[in-house]
């Protein structure tokens, strides 16, 4: 590997052959201030193949590896004396994201995590580990700037509405539900502390779960998984005589790439865990 003389940010992409990972690879290859230094994917049949040729992208001398640990170790050593430190972008699977993130931190590489499914206890553990290592780590449920704006609007409006329900809709290959993005939205609404959706009648469900998932705050979350969808979220607030609806639709994964690149560029300035894109763009 030849290091870029322009002092670009070295980027490793884990899940490089997936739908999101391949978009990240393309964005990094076409960025003026980032350099792709490793492409990791568990698809063994493509191990050792050139990532650019596989994905029909801009020419690169990076080859696909199945060995995340080895790639982290190698890149960590290559850049140990460099001012600009490497960043790992992870778009893999909920089953592996926690260990991937811990490993990156252990090697002094800042993780930018787009994989959802981390539990609150895992996030807390990573926050402690990150502080001890003095390494920035970004856990981003959604990289869309539009989604950040939706969440900001929802958190402000929560002061004025006592009845709020959330609907999130994704493609049917998404493994976790509700989405990390929707959980983050609910958490931001709950920053205005009160009990939501207090029932005026005794509710019954003839079909269990039909009212959606119930959070301790009283917020209801409904998850939909269908082919033909990508990523969509609706926040509906109601009060006597009116409803207020905030909606965001993602129709192409390219919508996430400006946020991904912004996270890559900014995470090196932090020495703790950042949860959510807003702290990296505002």
Foldseek 3Di string as FASTA:
>chain_A
DDDDPVQAAEEEEAQCPDPLNVLQVQLQVPDPRYDYDEYEYQPVVQAQPQSCVVSVHDDDPYGYHPDLLVSLQVQLVVCVPPPRAHEYEYDDELVCVLVSCLSNLVSQHEYAYQYDNDDPVSQVVSQVSLLVSLFFYEDALAQFPLLVVLLVVLLVCLVPFQEKEKEKEAAQVRDDPPGPSVVVSVVSNCVVPDAHDDDPDDDDDPPPQPQADADPSGYHYHYHHHHPAHIKMKMWTDDPPDIDIDIDGDDGSNSNNVSVVLCSVPRRVGRGYHYHSPVSPD
